[in-house]
Amino acid sequence: MGKITDPVFQPEVLAAAPELFDDDLDFDALTQSMGLQGVVDAHPQTAAIILAGGTGERFGRDGGKQLVEIAGKPILTWSAEAFDAVGDIGLIVIVCPEDRFDEYLKRAVDPFPFVTPVVLAPAGSIRQESAFSGLEYVSDDFEFVVLHDGARPLISPGLIEHTINTVKGNIDCDGAVVAHPAVDTLKVVEDGVIVGTPDRSVFWNAQTPQVFRTGIYRRAHASALSDGFVGTDDSSLIERLGGKVLVVEGKRDNIKLTVPEDYIMLTSAVRAIRAGLRSE
């Protein structure tokens, strides 16, 4: 990878971002405001797989981005706590590099009062392998499985629950994907030349969580492995089998931390939440 010269990618930017917060930030109140209080139903039907195996190459931080902190808490913890607050989720599988299990537990799991059982699974070399690895830890007792990017820390328990219920409430569907309608004009480009402008109303930006019936999701992975197919997301594995996947409209602030600019947007979003708390 070539040398990065954009100032926002420099280490001092990441070091300065936490200064967006005042010393009197009430982390407990912030957590409660987002509904992040652990609960497990008597008979949960859903298992969560949180993918946290990325190398962080585009983020420009050795060791990945999952343990980067926002408001004093790793972004992976922010993600996991949202799933811990959904009663229908009876297991959280965090997929991360096997040689960093102890570090992830020490920094992102053990210091926090999770109610839902949390287990770690080894990450693969690509996202699809990591998802399959996490699926191996999900028993057939769970009728549904939900996949989420560990680098999307601002996901809400309400949206997770709504997506699960969308699948449960539509017996003829195999899954549901959180997405947001495309807002930019799209161009079809060939060899550097624009050859078309499609109707953007039919295009959506896929996010996570993505919820599927566990049985069809297992079959989709087995088929992809057998055929050597690699999809760009979990839904594509089911789509290629002819499965029906619904869309659930999410929010644009369901940001995935990919490059340093995203970190600044995420910290600003948390600051906005804090401002909302103070106005109540």
C-alpha atoms as a PDB file:
ATOM      1  CA  MET A   1       0.000   0.000   0.000  1.00  0.00           C
ATOM      2  CA  GLY A   2       1.348   3.412  -0.948  1.00  0.00           C
ATOM      3  CA  LYS A   3       2.210   6.136   1.482  1.00  0.00           C
ATOM      4  CA  ILE A   4      -0.843   7.892   2.888  1.00  0.00           C
ATOM      5  CA  THR A   5      -0.564  11.665   2.800  1.00  0.00           C
ATOM      6  CA  ASP A   6      -4.127  12.733   3.624  1.00  0.00           C
ATOM      7  CA  PRO A   7      -3.913  14.479   7.047  1.00  0.00           C
ATOM      8  CA  VAL A   8      -6.985  12.718   8.385  1.00  0.00           C
ATOM      9  CA  PHE A   9      -5.119   9.411   8.174  1.00  0.00           C
ATOM     10  CA  GLN A  10      -2.275  10.563  10.394  1.00  0.00           C
ATOM     11  CA  PRO A  11      -1.928   9.062  13.900  1.00  0.00           C
ATOM     12  CA  GLU A  12      -2.338  12.462  15.535  1.00  0.00           C
ATOM     13  CA  VAL A  13      -5.881  12.681  14.154  1.00  0.00           C
ATOM     14  CA  LEU A  14      -6.865   9.468  15.909  1.00  0.00           C
ATOM     15  CA  ALA A  15      -5.195  10.665  19.085  1.00  0.00           C
ATOM     16  CA  ALA A  16      -7.045  13.985  18.990  1.00  0.00           C
ATOM     17  CA  ALA A  17     -10.521  12.658  18.263  1.00  0.00           C
ATOM     18  CA  PRO A  18     -11.264  11.631  21.872  1.00  0.00           C
ATOM     19  CA  GLU A  19     -10.859  15.320  22.806  1.00  0.00           C
ATOM     20  CA  LEU A  20     -14.316  15.799  21.316  1.00  0.00           C
ATOM     21  CA  PHE A  21     -15.580  14.618  24.693  1.00  0.00           C
ATOM     22  CA  ASP A  22     -15.598  16.547  27.934  1.00  0.00           C
ATOM     23  CA  ASP A  23     -14.261  14.961  31.104  1.00  0.00           C
ATOM     24  CA  ASP A  24     -17.757  14.911  32.596  1.00  0.00           C
ATOM     25  CA  LEU A  25     -19.225  12.554  29.976  1.00  0.00           C
ATOM     26  CA  ASP A  26     -21.595  10.211  31.811  1.00  0.00           C
ATOM     27  CA  PHE A  27     -20.847   6.837  30.229  1.00  0.00           C
ATOM     28  CA  ASP A  28     -23.476   5.030  32.312  1.00  0.00           C
ATOM     29  CA  ALA A  29     -26.186   7.455  31.251  1.00  0.00           C
ATOM     30  CA  LEU A  30     -25.025   7.230  27.637  1.00  0.00           C
ATOM     31  CA  THR A  31     -25.262   3.457  27.709  1.00  0.00           C
ATOM     32  CA  GLN A  32     -28.710   3.524  29.297  1.00  0.00           C
ATOM     33  CA  SER A  33     -29.919   6.072  26.743  1.00  0.00           C
ATOM     34  CA  MET A  34     -29.249   3.570  23.956  1.00  0.00           C
ATOM     35  CA  GLY A  35     -31.080   0.772  25.757  1.00  0.00           C
ATOM     36  CA  LEU A  36     -27.918  -1.239  26.289  1.00  0.00           C
ATOM     37  CA  GLN A  37     -28.952  -3.296  29.290  1.00  0.00           C
ATOM     38  CA  GLY A  38     -28.427  -7.029  29.002  1.00  0.00           C
ATOM     39  CA  VAL A  39     -31.403  -9.377  28.951  1.00  0.00           C
ATOM     40  CA  VAL A  40     -32.077 -12.939  27.767  1.00  0.00           C
ATOM     41  CA  ASP A  41     -35.545 -14.387  27.253  1.00  0.00           C
ATOM     42  CA  ALA A  42     -36.494 -17.738  28.757  1.00  0.00           C
ATOM     43  CA  HIS A  43     -36.380 -19.413  25.331  1.00  0.00           C
ATOM     44  CA  PRO A  44     -34.284 -17.309  22.949  1.00  0.00           C
ATOM     45  CA  GLN A  45     -34.505 -18.309  19.281  1.00  0.00           C
ATOM     46  CA  THR A  46     -31.654 -16.273  17.797  1.00  0.00           C
ATOM     47  CA  ALA A  47     -27.846 -16.421  17.908  1.00  0.00           C
ATOM     48  CA  ALA A  48     -25.686 -13.449  16.943  1.00  0.00           C
ATOM     49  CA  ILE A  49     -22.412 -13.660  15.032  1.00  0.00           C
ATOM     50  CA  ILE A  50     -20.316 -10.507  15.260  1.00  0.00           C
ATOM     51  CA  LEU A  51     -17.540 -10.363  12.693  1.00  0.00           C
ATOM     52  CA  ALA A  52     -14.414  -8.755  14.124  1.00  0.00           C
ATOM     53  CA  GLY A  53     -11.629 -10.369  12.138  1.00  0.00           C
ATOM     54  CA  GLY A  54     -10.619  -7.501   9.855  1.00  0.00           C
ATOM     55  CA  THR A  55      -6.980  -6.471   9.595  1.00  0.00           C
ATOM     56  CA  GLY A  56      -7.749  -2.752   9.583  1.00  0.00           C
ATOM     57  CA  GLU A  57      -5.543  -2.138   6.538  1.00  0.00           C
ATOM     58  CA  ARG A  58      -7.732   0.668   5.190  1.00  0.00           C
ATOM     59  CA  PHE A  59      -8.051   2.112   8.680  1.00  0.00           C
ATOM     60  CA  GLY A  60      -4.288   2.404   8.883  1.00  0.00           C
ATOM     61  CA  ARG A  61      -3.931   0.821  12.305  1.00  0.00           C
ATOM     62  CA  ASP A  62      -1.886  -2.302  12.968  1.00  0.00           C
ATOM     63  CA  GLY A  63      -3.901  -4.992  14.699  1.00  0.00           C
ATOM     64  CA  GLY A  64      -7.228  -3.909  13.282  1.00  0.00           C
ATOM     65  CA  LYS A  65      -9.880  -1.424  14.325  1.00  0.00           C
ATOM     66  CA  GLN A  66     -12.129  -3.530  16.581  1.00  0.00           C
ATOM     67  CA  LEU A  67     -10.439  -2.427  19.808  1.00  0.00           C
ATOM     68  CA  VAL A  68     -10.230   1.259  18.924  1.00  0.00           C
ATOM     69  CA  GLU A  69     -12.138   3.120  21.632  1.00  0.00           C
ATOM     70  CA  ILE A  70     -15.000   5.555  21.352  1.00  0.00           C
ATOM     71  CA  ALA A  71     -15.991   7.308  24.567  1.00  0.00           C
ATOM     72  CA  GLY A  72     -13.663   5.020  26.515  1.00  0.00           C
ATOM     73  CA  LYS A  73     -15.085   1.755  25.160  1.00  0.00           C
ATOM     74  CA  PRO A  74     -13.889  -0.501  22.287  1.00  0.00           C
ATOM     75  CA  ILE A  75     -16.138  -0.283  19.241  1.00  0.00           C
ATOM     76  CA  LEU A  76     -16.533  -4.062  19.359  1.00  0.00           C
ATOM     77  CA  THR A  77     -18.003  -3.721  22.849  1.00  0.00           C
ATOM     78  CA  TRP A  78     -20.467  -1.098  21.649  1.00  0.00           C
ATOM     79  CA  SER A  79     -21.672  -3.537  18.976  1.00  0.00           C
ATOM     80  CA  ALA A  80     -21.855  -6.543  21.289  1.00  0.00           C
ATOM     81  CA  GLU A  81     -23.753  -4.646  23.995  1.00  0.00           C
ATOM     82  CA  ALA A  82     -26.524  -3.814  21.526  1.00  0.00           C
ATOM     83  CA  PHE A  83     -27.085  -7.536  20.898  1.00  0.00           C
ATOM     84  CA  ASP A  84     -26.819  -8.281  24.614  1.00  0.00           C
ATOM     85  CA  ALA A  85     -29.814  -5.966  25.073  1.00  0.00           C
ATOM     86  CA  VAL A  86     -32.081  -8.021  22.777  1.00  0.00           C
ATOM     87  CA  GLY A  87     -33.892 -10.697  24.770  1.00  0.00           C
ATOM     88  CA  ASP A  88     -34.379 -13.097  21.856  1.00  0.00           C
ATOM     89  CA  ILE A  89     -30.607 -13.448  21.422  1.00  0.00           C
ATOM     90  CA  GLY A  90     -29.301 -16.357  23.497  1.00  0.00           C
ATOM     91  CA  LEU A  91     -25.701 -16.474  22.261  1.00  0.00           C
ATOM     92  CA  ILE A  92     -23.142 -13.976  20.968  1.00  0.00           C
ATOM     93  CA  VAL A  93     -20.294 -15.383  18.870  1.00  0.00           C
ATOM     94  CA  ILE A  94     -17.445 -12.936  18.321  1.00  0.00           C
ATOM     95  CA  VAL A  95     -15.257 -13.959  15.383  1.00  0.00           C
ATOM     96  CA  CYS A  96     -11.732 -12.602  15.707  1.00  0.00           C
ATOM     97  CA  PRO A  97      -8.097 -13.618  15.120  1.00  0.00           C
ATOM     98  CA  GLU A  98      -7.382 -16.759  17.134  1.00  0.00           C
ATOM     99  CA  ASP A  99      -3.988 -15.511  18.299  1.00  0.00           C
ATOM    100  CA  ARG A 100      -5.700 -12.481  19.855  1.00  0.00           C
ATOM    101  CA  PHE A 101      -8.449 -14.264  21.802  1.00  0.00           C
ATOM    102  CA  ASP A 102      -6.963 -13.305  25.173  1.00  0.00           C
ATOM    103  CA  GLU A 103      -6.569  -9.671  24.144  1.00  0.00           C
ATOM    104  CA  TYR A 104     -10.135  -9.397  22.865  1.00  0.00           C
ATOM    105  CA  LEU A 105     -11.522 -10.973  26.021  1.00  0.00           C
ATOM    106  CA  LYS A 106      -9.412  -8.789  28.288  1.00  0.00           C
ATOM    107  CA  ARG A 107     -10.246  -5.517  26.561  1.00  0.00           C
ATOM    108  CA  ALA A 108     -13.665  -5.898  24.954  1.00  0.00           C
ATOM    109  CA  VAL A 109     -15.589  -8.588  26.860  1.00  0.00           C
ATOM    110  CA  ASP A 110     -14.471  -9.350  30.405  1.00  0.00           C
ATOM    111  CA  PRO A 111     -14.601  -5.744  31.760  1.00  0.00           C
ATOM    112  CA  PHE A 112     -18.260  -5.420  30.796  1.00  0.00           C
ATOM    113  CA  PRO A 113     -21.337  -7.028  32.417  1.00  0.00           C
ATOM    114  CA  PHE A 114     -22.689  -9.099  29.529  1.00  0.00           C
ATOM    115  CA  VAL A 115     -25.784 -11.137  30.385  1.00  0.00           C
ATOM    116  CA  THR A 116     -25.874 -13.115  27.124  1.00  0.00           C
ATOM    117  CA  PRO A 117     -23.263 -15.914  26.865  1.00  0.00           C
ATOM    118  CA  VAL A 118     -20.315 -14.783  24.736  1.00  0.00           C
ATOM    119  CA  VAL A 119     -17.941 -17.160  22.923  1.00  0.00           C
ATOM    120  CA  LEU A 120     -15.058 -16.498  20.549  1.00  0.00           C
ATOM    121  CA  ALA A 121     -14.527 -18.194  17.180  1.00  0.00           C
ATOM    122  CA  PRO A 122     -11.405 -18.033  14.987  1.00  0.00           C
ATOM    123  CA  ALA A 123     -11.550 -15.681  12.025  1.00  0.00           C
ATOM    124  CA  GLY A 124     -10.837 -16.893   8.502  1.00  0.00           C
ATOM    125  CA  SER A 125      -8.783 -15.267   5.785  1.00  0.00           C
ATOM    126  CA  ILE A 126     -11.886 -13.648   4.233  1.00  0.00           C
ATOM    127  CA  ARG A 127     -15.222 -12.474   5.624  1.00  0.00           C
ATOM    128  CA  GLN A 128     -17.162 -15.458   4.292  1.00  0.00           C
ATOM    129  CA  GLU A 129     -14.820 -17.904   6.013  1.00  0.00           C
ATOM    130  CA  SER A 130     -15.186 -15.943   9.253  1.00  0.00           C
ATOM    131  CA  ALA A 131     -18.979 -16.068   9.036  1.00  0.00           C
ATOM    132  CA  PHE A 132     -18.876 -19.827   8.461  1.00  0.00           C
ATOM    133  CA  SER A 133     -16.508 -20.242  11.425  1.00  0.00           C
ATOM    134  CA  GLY A 134     -18.935 -18.361  13.652  1.00  0.00           C
ATOM    135  CA  LEU A 135     -21.833 -20.446  12.366  1.00  0.00           C
ATOM    136  CA  GLU A 136     -20.057 -23.598  13.545  1.00  0.00           C
ATOM    137  CA  TYR A 137     -20.580 -22.382  17.130  1.00  0.00           C
ATOM    138  CA  VAL A 138     -24.344 -21.944  16.658  1.00  0.00           C
ATOM    139  CA  SER A 139     -26.395 -24.989  17.643  1.00  0.00           C
ATOM    140  CA  ASP A 140     -29.555 -26.106  15.874  1.00  0.00           C
ATOM    141  CA  ASP A 141     -31.485 -24.957  18.934  1.00  0.00           C
ATOM    142  CA  PHE A 142     -31.377 -21.466  17.436  1.00  0.00           C
ATOM    143  CA  GLU A 143     -33.889 -21.086  14.614  1.00  0.00           C
ATOM    144  CA  PHE A 144     -32.448 -17.753  13.505  1.00  0.00           C
ATOM    145  CA  VAL A 145     -28.983 -16.278  13.169  1.00  0.00           C
ATOM    146  CA  VAL A 146     -28.042 -12.622  12.872  1.00  0.00           C
ATOM    147  CA  LEU A 147     -24.767 -11.423  11.341  1.00  0.00           C
ATOM    148  CA  HIS A 148     -23.247  -8.057  12.189  1.00  0.00           C
ATOM    149  CA  ASP A 149     -20.072  -6.126  11.468  1.00  0.00           C
ATOM    150  CA  GLY A 150     -18.242  -5.512  14.725  1.00  0.00           C
ATOM    151  CA  ALA A 151     -17.117  -2.208  13.231  1.00  0.00           C
ATOM    152  CA  ARG A 152     -20.697  -0.823  13.218  1.00  0.00           C
ATOM    153  CA  PRO A 153     -20.852   0.280  16.865  1.00  0.00           C
ATOM    154  CA  LEU A 154     -23.961   2.467  16.745  1.00  0.00           C
ATOM    155  CA  ILE A 155     -26.459  -0.237  15.873  1.00  0.00           C
ATOM    156  CA  SER A 156     -29.486  -0.068  18.150  1.00  0.00           C
ATOM    157  CA  PRO A 157     -31.220  -2.935  19.963  1.00  0.00           C
ATOM    158  CA  GLY A 158     -34.505  -1.716  18.502  1.00  0.00           C
ATOM    159  CA  LEU A 159     -33.336  -2.112  14.908  1.00  0.00           C
ATOM    160  CA  ILE A 160     -31.859  -5.540  15.663  1.00  0.00           C
ATOM    161  CA  GLU A 161     -35.134  -6.701  17.199  1.00  0.00           C
ATOM    162  CA  HIS A 162     -37.192  -5.235  14.352  1.00  0.00           C
ATOM    163  CA  THR A 163     -35.080  -7.063  11.754  1.00  0.00           C
ATOM    164  CA  ILE A 164     -35.441 -10.374  13.596  1.00  0.00           C
ATOM    165  CA  ASN A 165     -39.191  -9.886  13.901  1.00  0.00           C
ATOM    166  CA  THR A 166     -39.445  -9.078  10.188  1.00  0.00           C
ATOM    167  CA  VAL A 167     -38.152 -12.572   9.383  1.00  0.00           C
ATOM    168  CA  LYS A 168     -40.287 -14.193  12.054  1.00  0.00           C
ATOM    169  CA  GLY A 169     -43.377 -12.411  10.766  1.00  0.00           C
ATOM    170  CA  ASN A 170     -42.915 -13.455   7.132  1.00  0.00           C
ATOM    171  CA  ILE A 171     -43.003 -17.238   6.961  1.00  0.00           C
ATOM    172  CA  ASP A 172     -42.240 -17.264   3.220  1.00  0.00           C
ATOM    173  CA  CYS A 173     -38.983 -15.305   3.544  1.00  0.00           C
ATOM    174  CA  ASP A 174     -35.514 -16.656   4.317  1.00  0.00           C
ATOM    175  CA  GLY A 175     -33.962 -13.527   5.740  1.00  0.00           C
ATOM    176  CA  ALA A 176     -33.880  -9.764   6.065  1.00  0.00           C
ATOM    177  CA  VAL A 177     -31.119  -7.227   5.527  1.00  0.00           C
ATOM    178  CA  VAL A 178     -30.815  -3.773   7.026  1.00  0.00           C
ATOM    179  CA  ALA A 179     -30.111  -1.287   4.251  1.00  0.00           C
ATOM    180  CA  HIS A 180     -30.505   2.360   3.341  1.00  0.00           C
ATOM    181  CA  PRO A 181     -31.803   3.804   0.062  1.00  0.00           C
ATOM    182  CA  ALA A 182     -29.065   5.153  -2.189  1.00  0.00           C
ATOM    183  CA  VAL A 183     -28.968   8.950  -2.071  1.00  0.00           C
ATOM    184  CA  ASP A 184     -26.261   9.653  -4.650  1.00  0.00           C
ATOM    185  CA  THR A 185     -26.702   9.606  -8.414  1.00  0.00           C
ATOM    186  CA  LEU A 186     -25.277   6.367  -9.800  1.00  0.00           C
ATOM    187  CA  LYS A 187     -23.349   6.022 -13.034  1.00  0.00           C
ATOM    188  CA  VAL A 188     -22.531   2.958 -15.121  1.00  0.00           C
ATOM    189  CA  VAL A 189     -18.922   3.302 -16.266  1.00  0.00           C
ATOM    190  CA  GLU A 190     -16.985   1.297 -18.830  1.00  0.00           C
ATOM    191  CA  ASP A 191     -13.311   2.029 -19.527  1.00  0.00           C
ATOM    192  CA  GLY A 192     -13.586   5.374 -17.813  1.00  0.00           C
ATOM    193  CA  VAL A 193     -16.620   6.478 -19.820  1.00  0.00           C
ATOM    194  CA  ILE A 194     -20.152   6.929 -18.443  1.00  0.00           C
ATOM    195  CA  VAL A 195     -22.528   4.712 -20.397  1.00  0.00           C
ATOM    196  CA  GLY A 196     -25.658   5.009 -18.293  1.00  0.00           C
ATOM    197  CA  THR A 197     -27.456   6.566 -15.331  1.00  0.00           C
ATOM    198  CA  PRO A 198     -29.720   3.989 -13.662  1.00  0.00           C
ATOM    199  CA  ASP A 199     -32.746   4.831 -11.579  1.00  0.00           C
ATOM    200  CA  ARG A 200     -31.312   5.088  -8.092  1.00  0.00           C
ATOM    201  CA  SER A 201     -34.715   4.419  -6.481  1.00  0.00           C
ATOM    202  CA  VAL A 202     -34.143   0.676  -6.908  1.00  0.00           C
ATOM    203  CA  PHE A 203     -30.687   0.729  -5.309  1.00  0.00           C
ATOM    204  CA  TRP A 204     -30.028   0.330  -1.603  1.00  0.00           C
ATOM    205  CA  ASN A 205     -26.787   0.370   0.381  1.00  0.00           C
ATOM    206  CA  ALA A 206     -26.597  -2.912   2.304  1.00  0.00           C
ATOM    207  CA  GLN A 207     -25.595  -2.753   5.961  1.00  0.00           C
ATOM    208  CA  THR A 208     -25.767  -5.121   8.896  1.00  0.00           C
ATOM    209  CA  PRO A 209     -27.399  -6.704  10.831  1.00  0.00           C
ATOM    210  CA  GLN A 210     -28.569  -9.392   8.435  1.00  0.00           C
ATOM    211  CA  VAL A 211     -30.924 -12.032   9.829  1.00  0.00           C
ATOM    212  CA  PHE A 212     -31.540 -15.491   8.333  1.00  0.00           C
ATOM    213  CA  ARG A 213     -33.239 -18.742   9.161  1.00  0.00           C
ATOM    214  CA  THR A 214     -30.391 -20.872  10.438  1.00  0.00           C
ATOM    215  CA  GLY A 215     -31.155 -23.912   8.294  1.00  0.00           C
ATOM    216  CA  ILE A 216     -31.144 -22.080   4.952  1.00  0.00           C
ATOM    217  CA  TYR A 217     -28.075 -20.116   5.999  1.00  0.00           C
ATOM    218  CA  ARG A 218     -26.183 -23.361   6.673  1.00  0.00           C
ATOM    219  CA  ARG A 219     -27.247 -24.734   3.288  1.00  0.00           C
ATOM    220  CA  ALA A 220     -26.202 -21.520   1.564  1.00  0.00           C
ATOM    221  CA  HIS A 221     -22.703 -21.729   3.055  1.00  0.00           C
ATOM    222  CA  ALA A 222     -22.389 -25.403   2.118  1.00  0.00           C
ATOM    223  CA  SER A 223     -23.423 -24.633  -1.465  1.00  0.00           C
ATOM    224  CA  ALA A 224     -21.043 -21.696  -1.751  1.00  0.00           C
ATOM    225  CA  LEU A 225     -18.169 -23.810  -0.437  1.00  0.00           C
ATOM    226  CA  SER A 226     -18.972 -26.617  -2.858  1.00  0.00           C
ATOM    227  CA  ASP A 227     -19.193 -24.268  -5.863  1.00  0.00           C
ATOM    228  CA  GLY A 228     -16.273 -22.033  -4.911  1.00  0.00           C
ATOM    229  CA  PHE A 229     -18.584 -19.006  -4.732  1.00  0.00           C
ATOM    230  CA  VAL A 230     -17.523 -15.963  -2.708  1.00  0.00           C
ATOM    231  CA  GLY A 231     -20.212 -13.391  -2.018  1.00  0.00           C
ATOM    232  CA  THR A 232     -19.840  -9.783  -1.006  1.00  0.00           C
ATOM    233  CA  ASP A 233     -22.190 -10.222   1.940  1.00  0.00           C
ATOM    234  CA  ASP A 234     -24.121 -12.974   3.718  1.00  0.00           C
ATOM    235  CA  SER A 235     -27.375 -12.294   1.895  1.00  0.00           C
ATOM    236  CA  SER A 236     -25.772 -12.979  -1.491  1.00  0.00           C
ATOM    237  CA  LEU A 237     -25.202 -16.607  -0.467  1.00  0.00           C
ATOM    238  CA  ILE A 238     -28.930 -17.108  -0.002  1.00  0.00           C
ATOM    239  CA  GLU A 239     -29.944 -15.015  -3.011  1.00  0.00           C
ATOM    240  CA  ARG A 240     -27.963 -17.290  -5.359  1.00  0.00           C
ATOM    241  CA  LEU A 241     -30.071 -20.245  -4.172  1.00  0.00           C
ATOM    242  CA  GLY A 242     -33.247 -18.387  -5.034  1.00  0.00           C
ATOM    243  CA  GLY A 243     -34.012 -17.487  -1.441  1.00  0.00           C
ATOM    244  CA  LYS A 244     -36.284 -14.586  -0.578  1.00  0.00           C
ATOM    245  CA  VAL A 245     -34.567 -11.854   1.437  1.00  0.00           C
ATOM    246  CA  LEU A 246     -36.467  -8.785   2.589  1.00  0.00           C
ATOM    247  CA  VAL A 247     -35.047  -5.329   3.192  1.00  0.00           C
ATOM    248  CA  VAL A 248     -35.434  -3.380   6.422  1.00  0.00           C
ATOM    249  CA  GLU A 249     -34.730   0.320   6.179  1.00  0.00           C
ATOM    250  CA  GLY A 250     -31.963   1.382   8.526  1.00  0.00           C
ATOM    251  CA  LYS A 251     -30.367   4.683   9.315  1.00  0.00           C
ATOM    252  CA  ARG A 252     -27.458   6.448   7.666  1.00  0.00           C
ATOM    253  CA  ASP A 253     -25.740   6.758  11.046  1.00  0.00           C
ATOM    254  CA  ASN A 254     -25.269   2.966  11.153  1.00  0.00           C
ATOM    255  CA  ILE A 255     -21.697   3.772  10.159  1.00  0.00           C
ATOM    256  CA  LYS A 256     -19.040   1.142   9.587  1.00  0.00           C
ATOM    257  CA  LEU A 257     -15.590   2.130  10.793  1.00  0.00           C
ATOM    258  CA  THR A 258     -13.398   1.621   7.729  1.00  0.00           C
ATOM    259  CA  VAL A 259     -11.146   4.662   7.368  1.00  0.00           C
ATOM    260  CA  PRO A 260     -10.118   7.339   9.901  1.00  0.00           C
ATOM    261  CA  GLU A 261     -12.764   9.775   8.619  1.00  0.00           C
ATOM    262  CA  ASP A 262     -15.377   7.315   9.861  1.00  0.00           C
ATOM    263  CA  TYR A 263     -13.916   7.481  13.357  1.00  0.00           C
ATOM    264  CA  ILE A 264     -14.443  11.217  13.451  1.00  0.00           C
ATOM    265  CA  MET A 265     -18.063  10.816  12.310  1.00  0.00           C
ATOM    266  CA  LEU A 266     -18.670   8.130  14.927  1.00  0.00           C
ATOM    267  CA  THR A 267     -17.287  10.220  17.770  1.00  0.00           C
ATOM    268  CA  SER A 268     -19.425  13.122  16.581  1.00  0.00           C
ATOM    269  CA  ALA A 269     -22.492  10.859  16.604  1.00  0.00           C
ATOM    270  CA  VAL A 270     -21.808   9.832  20.196  1.00  0.00           C
ATOM    271  CA  ARG A 271     -21.363  13.475  21.106  1.00  0.00           C
ATOM    272  CA  ALA A 272     -24.796  14.186  19.594  1.00  0.00           C
ATOM    273  CA  ILE A 273     -26.290  11.433  21.760  1.00  0.00           C
ATOM    274  CA  ARG A 274     -24.669  13.034  24.777  1.00  0.00           C
ATOM    275  CA  ALA A 275     -26.144  16.409  23.799  1.00  0.00           C
ATOM    276  CA  GLY A 276     -29.575  14.795  23.606  1.00  0.00           C
ATOM    277  CA  LEU A 277     -29.144  13.417  27.116  1.00  0.00           C
ATOM    278  CA  ARG A 278     -28.346  16.824  28.515  1.00  0.00           C
ATOM    279  CA  SER A 279     -31.375  18.397  26.837  1.00  0.00           C
ATOM    280  CA  GLU A 280     -33.800  15.986  28.521  1.00  0.00           C
END
